[in-house]
Amino acid sequence: MEVIKLERIQLSSDLSISKTVHGMMHLSGWGLSKEERLTLIKEVLDTGITTFDHADIYGSYQCEALFGEALALEPSLRNKMEIVTKCGIVLESPNRPSHRSHHYDTSKAHIISSVEQSLKNLSVDTIDLLLIHRPDPFMNPEETAAAFDELSRSGKVKNFGVSNFKRSQFNMLQSYVDQPLCTNQIELSPYHLENFEDGTLDLTIEKKTPPMAWSPLAGGKILTGEDEKAVRIRAALKEIGSEIGTDQLDEVIYAWLYNHPANISVIAGSGKIDRIRSAVNAQNFRMDAHQWFTIYQAVIGHDVP
């Protein structure tokens, strides 16, 4: 099955992203040469995916540079893509010997220095979307907002958002930031329903800030797990897959997310182009309420009230 026209999601007046996003979290583990990384980037772009998701910490602070090294081989590709990256988590790493502990840092100085390093690593002049990676209980929102303002005025970052923020955390930061936070990158899958149930996803609809879903396959647990919940979900996925026209369970999972009215973009974090194509192909499938709830009720293990 081929997609005729990929859907895009408008996050702000000057930023739209592909509904499927390629995640770079595991890039350092894929064992690719820089030429092979470039080939993968081009193959991903050929599927219609234009958005690449990074974070400074991925691969113990190595993945951004591995991507940038490949992009530098063909810099013109930058004009065909949107780059997302995240900052705010501090990890102990041989690649960051000055870090003394694992903690969060959303100070102005840290955010700006992280962005400057990311720009260098990625071999780009501008980041399309910067996210605060985790809510910070020690956050001074005035400093975070000041960092956003400076990065926006300098042209180093075009848009801002958050990741893993709950309702109160999102609203608190937004009250200090001049421009709208345009997305919340959160864990969403048919295995983990927390953000469906606690109001986090509801807030993205209220604020008209389409969310980005990380770990949509629950780290593979849905596809390979032997616990009762995983087995139950797989049975429902097979049933609905037969109805909508696919025997690929990952495609059913992606379709379950794509069909939600929150206008979810899904991060597919595979180094295998066939698996990435499956995430794209899933945009073709439509689910009605009965089909969507068949999977939802398999997750919770009982009928809805």
C-alpha atoms as a PDB file:
ATOM      1  CA  MET A   1       0.000   0.000   0.000  1.00  0.00           C
ATOM      2  CA  GLU A   2       1.288   3.445  -0.888  1.00  0.00           C
ATOM      3  CA  VAL A   3       0.297   6.719   0.678  1.00  0.00           C
ATOM      4  CA  ILE A   4      -0.832   9.225  -1.957  1.00  0.00           C
ATOM      5  CA  LYS A   5      -0.361  12.290   0.190  1.00  0.00           C
ATOM      6  CA  LEU A   6       1.039  12.300   3.681  1.00  0.00           C
ATOM      7  CA  GLU A   7      -0.808  14.257   6.298  1.00  0.00           C
ATOM      8  CA  ARG A   8       0.926  17.199   7.928  1.00  0.00           C
ATOM      9  CA  ILE A   9       0.248  18.781  11.279  1.00  0.00           C
ATOM     10  CA  GLN A  10       0.362  22.533  11.769  1.00  0.00           C
ATOM     11  CA  LEU A  11       2.014  23.347  15.092  1.00  0.00           C
ATOM     12  CA  SER A  12       2.392  27.098  14.606  1.00  0.00           C
ATOM     13  CA  SER A  13       1.960  29.728  11.924  1.00  0.00           C
ATOM     14  CA  ASP A  14       5.420  28.913  10.530  1.00  0.00           C
ATOM     15  CA  LEU A  15       5.871  25.250  11.454  1.00  0.00           C
ATOM     16  CA  SER A  16       4.176  22.154  10.136  1.00  0.00           C
ATOM     17  CA  ILE A  17       5.545  18.663  10.744  1.00  0.00           C
ATOM     18  CA  SER A  18       4.983  15.308   9.122  1.00  0.00           C
ATOM     19  CA  LYS A  19       2.386  13.194  10.920  1.00  0.00           C
ATOM     20  CA  THR A  20       5.024  10.496  11.210  1.00  0.00           C
ATOM     21  CA  VAL A  21       8.284  11.661  12.798  1.00  0.00           C
ATOM     22  CA  HIS A  22      11.600   9.799  12.653  1.00  0.00           C
ATOM     23  CA  GLY A  23      13.078   9.416  16.140  1.00  0.00           C
ATOM     24  CA  MET A  24      16.852   9.568  16.615  1.00  0.00           C
ATOM     25  CA  MET A  25      17.064   8.278  20.191  1.00  0.00           C
ATOM     26  CA  HIS A  26      18.810   5.021  19.193  1.00  0.00           C
ATOM     27  CA  LEU A  27      20.882   6.302  16.269  1.00  0.00           C
ATOM     28  CA  SER A  28      24.182   5.579  18.024  1.00  0.00           C
ATOM     29  CA  GLY A  29      23.201   1.930  18.402  1.00  0.00           C
ATOM     30  CA  TRP A  30      22.365   1.281  14.760  1.00  0.00           C
ATOM     31  CA  GLY A  31      26.014   0.788  13.790  1.00  0.00           C
ATOM     32  CA  LEU A  32      25.833   2.898  10.633  1.00  0.00           C
ATOM     33  CA  SER A  33      28.677   4.680   8.903  1.00  0.00           C
ATOM     34  CA  LYS A  34      28.108   8.344   8.126  1.00  0.00           C
ATOM     35  CA  GLU A  35      27.394   7.412   4.496  1.00  0.00           C
ATOM     36  CA  GLU A  36      24.833   4.846   5.649  1.00  0.00           C
ATOM     37  CA  ARG A  37      23.291   7.416   7.975  1.00  0.00           C
ATOM     38  CA  LEU A  38      22.951   9.781   5.031  1.00  0.00           C
ATOM     39  CA  THR A  39      21.312   7.042   2.979  1.00  0.00           C
ATOM     40  CA  LEU A  40      18.838   6.382   5.793  1.00  0.00           C
ATOM     41  CA  ILE A  41      17.985  10.090   6.060  1.00  0.00           C
ATOM     42  CA  LYS A  42      17.304  10.208   2.312  1.00  0.00           C
ATOM     43  CA  GLU A  43      15.206   7.042   2.431  1.00  0.00           C
ATOM     44  CA  VAL A  44      13.172   8.490   5.292  1.00  0.00           C
ATOM     45  CA  LEU A  45      12.614  11.717   3.362  1.00  0.00           C
ATOM     46  CA  ASP A  46      11.497   9.647   0.378  1.00  0.00           C
ATOM     47  CA  THR A  47       8.678   8.162   2.490  1.00  0.00           C
ATOM     48  CA  GLY A  48       7.301  11.663   3.027  1.00  0.00           C
ATOM     49  CA  ILE A  49       8.605  11.997   6.571  1.00  0.00           C
ATOM     50  CA  THR A  50      10.286  15.375   6.942  1.00  0.00           C
ATOM     51  CA  THR A  51      10.557  15.715  10.727  1.00  0.00           C
ATOM     52  CA  PHE A  52      13.453  14.324  12.770  1.00  0.00           C
ATOM     53  CA  ASP A  53      13.314  14.158  16.561  1.00  0.00           C
ATOM     54  CA  HIS A  54      16.461  14.541  18.678  1.00  0.00           C
ATOM     55  CA  ALA A  55      17.553  15.342  22.216  1.00  0.00           C
ATOM     56  CA  ASP A  56      20.916  16.520  23.435  1.00  0.00           C
ATOM     57  CA  ILE A  57      21.266  13.496  25.738  1.00  0.00           C
ATOM     58  CA  TYR A  58      20.477  10.780  23.179  1.00  0.00           C
ATOM     59  CA  GLY A  59      23.237   8.218  22.811  1.00  0.00           C
ATOM     60  CA  SER A  60      25.065   9.693  25.806  1.00  0.00           C
ATOM     61  CA  TYR A  61      25.243  13.036  23.972  1.00  0.00           C
ATOM     62  CA  GLN A  62      26.340  11.475  20.664  1.00  0.00           C
ATOM     63  CA  CYS A  63      23.262  11.091  18.427  1.00  0.00           C
ATOM     64  CA  GLU A  64      22.908  14.722  17.367  1.00  0.00           C
ATOM     65  CA  ALA A  65      26.517  14.786  16.162  1.00  0.00           C
ATOM     66  CA  LEU A  66      26.112  11.479  14.299  1.00  0.00           C
ATOM     67  CA  PHE A  67      23.118  12.942  12.465  1.00  0.00           C
ATOM     68  CA  GLY A  68      24.938  16.222  11.812  1.00  0.00           C
ATOM     69  CA  GLU A  69      27.969  14.417  10.458  1.00  0.00           C
ATOM     70  CA  ALA A  70      25.761  12.679   7.891  1.00  0.00           C
ATOM     71  CA  LEU A  71      23.815  15.839   7.056  1.00  0.00           C
ATOM     72  CA  ALA A  72      27.082  17.685   6.426  1.00  0.00           C
ATOM     73  CA  LEU A  73      27.698  15.314   3.505  1.00  0.00           C
ATOM     74  CA  GLU A  74      24.671  16.784   1.739  1.00  0.00           C
ATOM     75  CA  PRO A  75      23.720  20.077   3.428  1.00  0.00           C
ATOM     76  CA  SER A  76      20.956  20.875   0.933  1.00  0.00           C
ATOM     77  CA  LEU A  77      18.806  18.232   2.627  1.00  0.00           C
ATOM     78  CA  ARG A  78      18.360  20.642   5.542  1.00  0.00           C
ATOM     79  CA  ASN A  79      15.840  22.581   3.470  1.00  0.00           C
ATOM     80  CA  LYS A  80      13.670  19.471   3.169  1.00  0.00           C
ATOM     81  CA  MET A  81      13.313  18.746   6.879  1.00  0.00           C
ATOM     82  CA  GLU A  82      12.223  20.019  10.275  1.00  0.00           C
ATOM     83  CA  ILE A  83      14.570  19.406  13.194  1.00  0.00           C
ATOM     84  CA  VAL A  84      13.229  18.952  16.712  1.00  0.00           C
ATOM     85  CA  THR A  85      15.516  18.672  19.709  1.00  0.00           C
ATOM     86  CA  LYS A  86      15.180  18.705  23.468  1.00  0.00           C
ATOM     87  CA  CYS A  87      17.214  19.912  26.429  1.00  0.00           C
ATOM     88  CA  GLY A  88      16.943  20.218  30.185  1.00  0.00           C
ATOM     89  CA  ILE A  89      18.098  16.773  31.355  1.00  0.00           C
ATOM     90  CA  VAL A  90      21.643  16.595  32.706  1.00  0.00           C
ATOM     91  CA  LEU A  91      23.292  13.169  32.650  1.00  0.00           C
ATOM     92  CA  GLU A  92      26.611  11.914  33.925  1.00  0.00           C
ATOM     93  CA  SER A  93      28.564  10.872  30.852  1.00  0.00           C
ATOM     94  CA  PRO A  94      32.171  10.492  29.685  1.00  0.00           C
ATOM     95  CA  ASN A  95      31.107  12.932  26.961  1.00  0.00           C
ATOM     96  CA  ARG A  96      30.178  15.534  29.570  1.00  0.00           C
ATOM     97  CA  PRO A  97      32.868  15.214  32.270  1.00  0.00           C
ATOM     98  CA  SER A  98      31.697  18.400  34.011  1.00  0.00           C
ATOM     99  CA  HIS A  99      28.361  16.818  34.906  1.00  0.00           C
ATOM    100  CA  ARG A 100      28.397  15.671  38.522  1.00  0.00           C
ATOM    101  CA  SER A 101      24.964  14.042  38.736  1.00  0.00           C
ATOM    102  CA  HIS A 102      21.744  13.223  36.943  1.00  0.00           C
ATOM    103  CA  HIS A 103      19.353  16.148  37.390  1.00  0.00           C
ATOM    104  CA  TYR A 104      17.364  18.751  35.475  1.00  0.00           C
ATOM    105  CA  ASP A 105      18.515  22.213  34.492  1.00  0.00           C
ATOM    106  CA  THR A 106      16.128  24.660  32.835  1.00  0.00           C
ATOM    107  CA  SER A 107      18.109  27.781  33.655  1.00  0.00           C
ATOM    108  CA  LYS A 108      18.677  30.382  30.958  1.00  0.00           C
ATOM    109  CA  ALA A 109      22.394  29.655  30.822  1.00  0.00           C
ATOM    110  CA  HIS A 110      21.937  25.905  30.442  1.00  0.00           C
ATOM    111  CA  ILE A 111      19.221  26.137  27.789  1.00  0.00           C
ATOM    112  CA  ILE A 112      21.226  28.578  25.667  1.00  0.00           C
ATOM    113  CA  SER A 113      24.458  26.599  25.955  1.00  0.00           C
ATOM    114  CA  SER A 114      22.589  23.375  25.143  1.00  0.00           C
ATOM    115  CA  VAL A 115      21.075  24.924  22.019  1.00  0.00           C
ATOM    116  CA  GLU A 116      24.410  26.290  20.855  1.00  0.00           C
ATOM    117  CA  GLN A 117      25.953  22.842  21.260  1.00  0.00           C
ATOM    118  CA  SER A 118      23.029  21.209  19.454  1.00  0.00           C
ATOM    119  CA  LEU A 119      23.370  23.603  16.524  1.00  0.00           C
ATOM    120  CA  LYS A 120      27.031  22.702  16.251  1.00  0.00           C
ATOM    121  CA  ASN A 121      26.341  18.975  16.600  1.00  0.00           C
ATOM    122  CA  LEU A 122      23.556  18.972  14.028  1.00  0.00           C
ATOM    123  CA  SER A 123      25.481  21.108  11.519  1.00  0.00           C
ATOM    124  CA  VAL A 124      22.582  23.564  11.228  1.00  0.00           C
ATOM    125  CA  ASP A 125      22.015  27.259  11.883  1.00  0.00           C
ATOM    126  CA  THR A 126      18.538  26.991  13.325  1.00  0.00           C
ATOM    127  CA  ILE A 127      16.374  24.544  15.276  1.00  0.00           C
ATOM    128  CA  ASP A 128      12.765  24.392  14.123  1.00  0.00           C
ATOM    129  CA  LEU A 129      11.376  23.240  17.477  1.00  0.00           C
ATOM    130  CA  LEU A 130      13.021  23.149  20.908  1.00  0.00           C
ATOM    131  CA  LEU A 131      11.377  21.211  23.744  1.00  0.00           C
ATOM    132  CA  ILE A 132      12.072  21.203  27.467  1.00  0.00           C
ATOM    133  CA  HIS A 133      12.633  17.476  27.904  1.00  0.00           C
ATOM    134  CA  ARG A 134      11.156  16.939  31.372  1.00  0.00           C
ATOM    135  CA  PRO A 135       9.240  19.058  33.880  1.00  0.00           C
ATOM    136  CA  ASP A 136      11.736  20.543  36.313  1.00  0.00           C
ATOM    137  CA  PRO A 137      10.636  20.864  39.979  1.00  0.00           C
ATOM    138  CA  PHE A 138      13.420  23.443  40.409  1.00  0.00           C
ATOM    139  CA  MET A 139      12.385  25.462  37.351  1.00  0.00           C
ATOM    140  CA  ASN A 140      12.443  29.241  37.468  1.00  0.00           C
ATOM    141  CA  PRO A 141       9.988  29.942  34.635  1.00  0.00           C
ATOM    142  CA  GLU A 142      11.236  33.518  34.257  1.00  0.00           C
ATOM    143  CA  GLU A 143      14.683  32.175  33.325  1.00  0.00           C
ATOM    144  CA  THR A 144      13.263  29.570  30.970  1.00  0.00           C
ATOM    145  CA  ALA A 145      11.115  32.202  29.281  1.00  0.00           C
ATOM    146  CA  ALA A 146      14.100  34.562  29.027  1.00  0.00           C
ATOM    147  CA  ALA A 147      16.094  31.814  27.295  1.00  0.00           C
ATOM    148  CA  PHE A 148      13.267  31.233  24.828  1.00  0.00           C
ATOM    149  CA  ASP A 149      13.030  34.943  24.116  1.00  0.00           C
ATOM    150  CA  GLU A 150      16.760  35.313  23.468  1.00  0.00           C
ATOM    151  CA  LEU A 151      16.907  32.212  21.268  1.00  0.00           C
ATOM    152  CA  SER A 152      13.903  33.403  19.276  1.00  0.00           C
ATOM    153  CA  ARG A 153      15.291  36.919  18.750  1.00  0.00           C
ATOM    154  CA  SER A 154      18.668  35.517  17.660  1.00  0.00           C
ATOM    155  CA  GLY A 155      16.995  33.190  15.149  1.00  0.00           C
ATOM    156  CA  LYS A 156      18.594  30.113  16.681  1.00  0.00           C
ATOM    157  CA  VAL A 157      15.225  28.552  17.546  1.00  0.00           C
ATOM    158  CA  LYS A 158      11.969  29.136  15.692  1.00  0.00           C
ATOM    159  CA  ASN A 159       9.401  27.427  17.952  1.00  0.00           C
ATOM    160  CA  PHE A 160       9.158  26.091  21.490  1.00  0.00           C
ATOM    161  CA  GLY A 161       7.309  23.356  23.323  1.00  0.00           C
ATOM    162  CA  VAL A 162       7.636  20.841  26.127  1.00  0.00           C
ATOM    163  CA  SER A 163       7.870  17.118  26.693  1.00  0.00           C
ATOM    164  CA  ASN A 164       6.287  15.010  29.444  1.00  0.00           C
ATOM    165  CA  PHE A 165       4.555  18.007  31.038  1.00  0.00           C
ATOM    166  CA  LYS A 166       1.301  17.560  32.951  1.00  0.00           C
ATOM    167  CA  ARG A 167      -1.541  20.099  32.824  1.00  0.00           C
ATOM    168  CA  SER A 168      -0.386  22.337  35.687  1.00  0.00           C
ATOM    169  CA  GLN A 169       3.245  22.288  34.523  1.00  0.00           C
ATOM    170  CA  PHE A 170       2.289  23.222  30.954  1.00  0.00           C
ATOM    171  CA  ASN A 171       0.017  26.054  32.092  1.00  0.00           C
ATOM    172  CA  MET A 172       2.577  27.385  34.546  1.00  0.00           C
ATOM    173  CA  LEU A 173       5.334  27.682  31.947  1.00  0.00           C
ATOM    174  CA  GLN A 174       2.978  29.027  29.294  1.00  0.00           C
ATOM    175  CA  SER A 175       1.974  31.879  31.619  1.00  0.00           C
ATOM    176  CA  TYR A 176       5.576  33.153  31.467  1.00  0.00           C
ATOM    177  CA  VAL A 177       6.311  32.553  27.775  1.00  0.00           C
ATOM    178  CA  ASP A 178       5.220  35.123  25.201  1.00  0.00           C
ATOM    179  CA  GLN A 179       4.692  32.807  22.248  1.00  0.00           C
ATOM    180  CA  PRO A 180       2.444  29.739  22.481  1.00  0.00           C
ATOM    181  CA  LEU A 181       4.076  26.454  23.425  1.00  0.00           C
ATOM    182  CA  CYS A 182       3.169  24.553  20.287  1.00  0.00           C
ATOM    183  CA  THR A 183       3.336  20.901  21.386  1.00  0.00           C
ATOM    184  CA  ASN A 184       3.781  18.488  24.277  1.00  0.00           C
ATOM    185  CA  GLN A 185       5.752  15.336  23.456  1.00  0.00           C
ATOM    186  CA  ILE A 186       4.258  12.630  25.672  1.00  0.00           C
ATOM    187  CA  GLU A 187       4.156   8.863  26.036  1.00  0.00           C
ATOM    188  CA  LEU A 188       1.109   7.507  24.205  1.00  0.00           C
ATOM    189  CA  SER A 189       0.469   3.897  23.276  1.00  0.00           C
ATOM    190  CA  PRO A 190      -2.200   1.229  23.621  1.00  0.00           C
ATOM    191  CA  TYR A 191      -0.180  -0.112  26.565  1.00  0.00           C
ATOM    192  CA  HIS A 192       0.267   3.101  28.576  1.00  0.00           C
ATOM    193  CA  LEU A 193      -2.941   5.096  28.999  1.00  0.00           C
ATOM    194  CA  GLU A 194      -1.833   7.493  31.741  1.00  0.00           C
ATOM    195  CA  ASN A 195      -1.807  10.556  29.497  1.00  0.00           C
ATOM    196  CA  PHE A 196      -5.181   9.589  28.015  1.00  0.00           C
ATOM    197  CA  GLU A 197      -6.723   9.400  31.473  1.00  0.00           C
ATOM    198  CA  ASP A 198      -5.175  12.185  33.563  1.00  0.00           C
ATOM    199  CA  GLY A 199      -6.094  15.179  31.392  1.00  0.00           C
ATOM    200  CA  THR A 200      -2.712  15.568  29.667  1.00  0.00           C
ATOM    201  CA  LEU A 201      -4.055  14.669  26.234  1.00  0.00           C
ATOM    202  CA  ASP A 202      -7.238  16.644  26.899  1.00  0.00           C
ATOM    203  CA  LEU A 203      -5.136  19.765  27.448  1.00  0.00           C
ATOM    204  CA  THR A 204      -3.511  19.416  24.023  1.00  0.00           C
ATOM    205  CA  ILE A 205      -6.988  19.518  22.481  1.00  0.00           C
ATOM    206  CA  GLU A 206      -8.037  22.460  24.656  1.00  0.00           C
ATOM    207  CA  LYS A 207      -4.908  24.438  23.784  1.00  0.00           C
ATOM    208  CA  LYS A 208      -4.888  23.317  20.131  1.00  0.00           C
ATOM    209  CA  THR A 209      -1.318  22.084  20.574  1.00  0.00           C
ATOM    210  CA  PRO A 210      -1.138  18.738  18.712  1.00  0.00           C
ATOM    211  CA  PRO A 211       0.920  16.251  20.752  1.00  0.00           C
ATOM    212  CA  MET A 212       3.837  14.116  19.647  1.00  0.00           C
ATOM    213  CA  ALA A 213       3.672  10.482  20.812  1.00  0.00           C
ATOM    214  CA  TRP A 214       6.879   8.834  22.002  1.00  0.00           C
ATOM    215  CA  SER A 215       7.200   5.068  22.522  1.00  0.00           C
ATOM    216  CA  PRO A 216       4.015   4.301  20.560  1.00  0.00           C
ATOM    217  CA  LEU A 217       4.857   0.574  20.563  1.00  0.00           C
ATOM    218  CA  ALA A 218       5.674   0.660  24.303  1.00  0.00           C
ATOM    219  CA  GLY A 219       9.254  -0.315  23.563  1.00  0.00           C
ATOM    220  CA  GLY A 220       8.035  -3.430  21.742  1.00  0.00           C
ATOM    221  CA  LYS A 221       6.188  -4.702  24.804  1.00  0.00           C
ATOM    222  CA  ILE A 222       2.877  -4.788  22.952  1.00  0.00           C
ATOM    223  CA  LEU A 223       4.310  -6.874  20.123  1.00  0.00           C
ATOM    224  CA  THR A 224       6.419  -9.331  22.133  1.00  0.00           C
ATOM    225  CA  GLY A 225       5.346  -9.148  25.785  1.00  0.00           C
ATOM    226  CA  GLU A 226       3.943 -12.307  27.378  1.00  0.00           C
ATOM    227  CA  ASP A 227       2.113 -10.652  30.258  1.00  0.00           C
ATOM    228  CA  GLU A 228      -1.668 -10.971  30.287  1.00  0.00           C
ATOM    229  CA  LYS A 229      -2.191  -7.350  29.255  1.00  0.00           C
ATOM    230  CA  ALA A 230       0.097  -7.575  26.206  1.00  0.00           C
ATOM    231  CA  VAL A 231      -1.499 -10.836  25.079  1.00  0.00           C
ATOM    232  CA  ARG A 232      -4.956  -9.303  25.464  1.00  0.00           C
ATOM    233  CA  ILE A 233      -3.998  -6.224  23.448  1.00  0.00           C
ATOM    234  CA  ARG A 234      -2.453  -8.294  20.643  1.00  0.00           C
ATOM    235  CA  ALA A 235      -5.674 -10.267  20.265  1.00  0.00           C
ATOM    236  CA  ALA A 236      -7.634  -7.026  19.874  1.00  0.00           C
ATOM    237  CA  LEU A 237      -5.071  -5.639  17.414  1.00  0.00           C
ATOM    238  CA  LYS A 238      -5.349  -8.768  15.268  1.00  0.00           C
ATOM    239  CA  GLU A 239      -9.153  -8.519  15.297  1.00  0.00           C
ATOM    240  CA  ILE A 240      -9.203  -4.873  14.277  1.00  0.00           C
ATOM    241  CA  GLY A 241      -6.352  -5.298  11.815  1.00  0.00           C
ATOM    242  CA  SER A 242      -8.399  -7.879   9.915  1.00  0.00           C
ATOM    243  CA  GLU A 243     -11.272  -5.378   9.754  1.00  0.00           C
ATOM    244  CA  ILE A 244      -9.264  -2.394   8.529  1.00  0.00           C
ATOM    245  CA  GLY A 245      -7.055  -4.369   6.134  1.00  0.00           C
ATOM    246  CA  THR A 246      -3.640  -5.068   7.655  1.00  0.00           C
ATOM    247  CA  ASP A 247      -2.004  -8.002   9.424  1.00  0.00           C
ATOM    248  CA  GLN A 248       0.866  -5.794  10.657  1.00  0.00           C
ATOM    249  CA  LEU A 249       0.189  -5.169  14.332  1.00  0.00           C
ATOM    250  CA  ASP A 250       2.461  -2.140  14.459  1.00  0.00           C
ATOM    251  CA  GLU A 251       0.364  -0.540  11.712  1.00  0.00           C
ATOM    252  CA  VAL A 252      -2.791  -1.113  13.785  1.00  0.00           C
ATOM    253  CA  ILE A 253      -1.132   0.541  16.790  1.00  0.00           C
ATOM    254  CA  TYR A 254      -0.030   3.561  14.780  1.00  0.00           C
ATOM    255  CA  ALA A 255      -3.486   3.823  13.195  1.00  0.00           C
ATOM    256  CA  TRP A 256      -5.093   3.734  16.661  1.00  0.00           C
ATOM    257  CA  LEU A 257      -3.066   6.824  17.570  1.00  0.00           C
ATOM    258  CA  TYR A 258      -3.476   8.606  14.228  1.00  0.00           C
ATOM    259  CA  ASN A 259      -7.258   8.262  14.404  1.00  0.00           C
ATOM    260  CA  HIS A 260      -7.539  10.029  17.758  1.00  0.00           C
ATOM    261  CA  PRO A 261      -9.042  13.542  17.416  1.00  0.00           C
ATOM    262  CA  ALA A 262      -6.087  15.106  19.275  1.00  0.00           C
ATOM    263  CA  ASN A 263      -4.232  15.112  15.916  1.00  0.00           C
ATOM    264  CA  ILE A 264      -1.319  13.053  17.227  1.00  0.00           C
ATOM    265  CA  SER A 265       2.008  12.788  15.419  1.00  0.00           C
ATOM    266  CA  VAL A 266       3.839   9.530  16.055  1.00  0.00           C
ATOM    267  CA  ILE A 267       7.577   9.136  16.579  1.00  0.00           C
ATOM    268  CA  ALA A 268       8.870   6.014  14.840  1.00  0.00           C
ATOM    269  CA  GLY A 269      12.322   5.379  16.239  1.00  0.00           C
ATOM    270  CA  SER A 270      13.601   2.564  14.061  1.00  0.00           C
ATOM    271  CA  GLY A 271      16.741   2.317  11.959  1.00  0.00           C
ATOM    272  CA  LYS A 272      14.979  -0.125   9.621  1.00  0.00           C
ATOM    273  CA  ILE A 273      13.307   1.585   6.685  1.00  0.00           C
ATOM    274  CA  ASP A 274      10.617  -1.113   6.396  1.00  0.00           C
ATOM    275  CA  ARG A 275       9.493  -0.419   9.948  1.00  0.00           C
ATOM    276  CA  ILE A 276       9.441   3.313   9.225  1.00  0.00           C
ATOM    277  CA  ARG A 277       7.350   2.709   6.120  1.00  0.00           C
ATOM    278  CA  SER A 278       4.868   0.757   8.240  1.00  0.00           C
ATOM    279  CA  ALA A 279       4.410   3.801  10.457  1.00  0.00           C
ATOM    280  CA  VAL A 280       3.743   5.898   7.359  1.00  0.00           C
ATOM    281  CA  ASN A 281       1.415   3.345   5.745  1.00  0.00           C
ATOM    282  CA  ALA A 282      -0.730   3.302   8.886  1.00  0.00           C
ATOM    283  CA  GLN A 283      -1.976   6.773   7.976  1.00  0.00           C
ATOM    284  CA  ASN A 284      -4.152   5.071   5.345  1.00  0.00           C
ATOM    285  CA  PHE A 285      -6.294   3.203   7.854  1.00  0.00           C
ATOM    286  CA  ARG A 286      -9.464   4.563   9.421  1.00  0.00           C
ATOM    287  CA  MET A 287     -11.099   3.284  12.605  1.00  0.00           C
ATOM    288  CA  ASP A 288     -14.627   3.846  13.790  1.00  0.00           C
ATOM    289  CA  ALA A 289     -15.535   4.213  17.459  1.00  0.00           C
ATOM    290  CA  HIS A 290     -16.293   0.507  17.841  1.00  0.00           C
ATOM    291  CA  GLN A 291     -12.856  -0.470  16.527  1.00  0.00           C
ATOM    292  CA  TRP A 292     -11.007   2.153  18.554  1.00  0.00           C
ATOM    293  CA  PHE A 293     -12.760   1.121  21.759  1.00  0.00           C
ATOM    294  CA  THR A 294     -12.199  -2.586  21.105  1.00  0.00           C
ATOM    295  CA  ILE A 295      -8.481  -1.873  21.521  1.00  0.00           C
ATOM    296  CA  TYR A 296      -8.993   0.574  24.400  1.00  0.00           C
ATOM    297  CA  GLN A 297     -11.077  -1.931  26.358  1.00  0.00           C
ATOM    298  CA  ALA A 298      -8.482  -4.637  25.751  1.00  0.00           C
ATOM    299  CA  VAL A 299      -5.944  -2.321  27.398  1.00  0.00           C
ATOM    300  CA  ILE A 300      -8.023  -1.663  30.510  1.00  0.00           C
ATOM    301  CA  GLY A 301      -9.183  -5.266  30.694  1.00  0.00           C
ATOM    302  CA  HIS A 302     -12.884  -4.556  31.050  1.00  0.00           C
ATOM    303  CA  ASP A 303     -15.784  -2.797  29.423  1.00  0.00           C
ATOM    304  CA  VAL A 304     -16.030   0.989  29.719  1.00  0.00           C
ATOM    305  CA  PRO A 305     -18.548   2.169  32.358  1.00  0.00           C
END
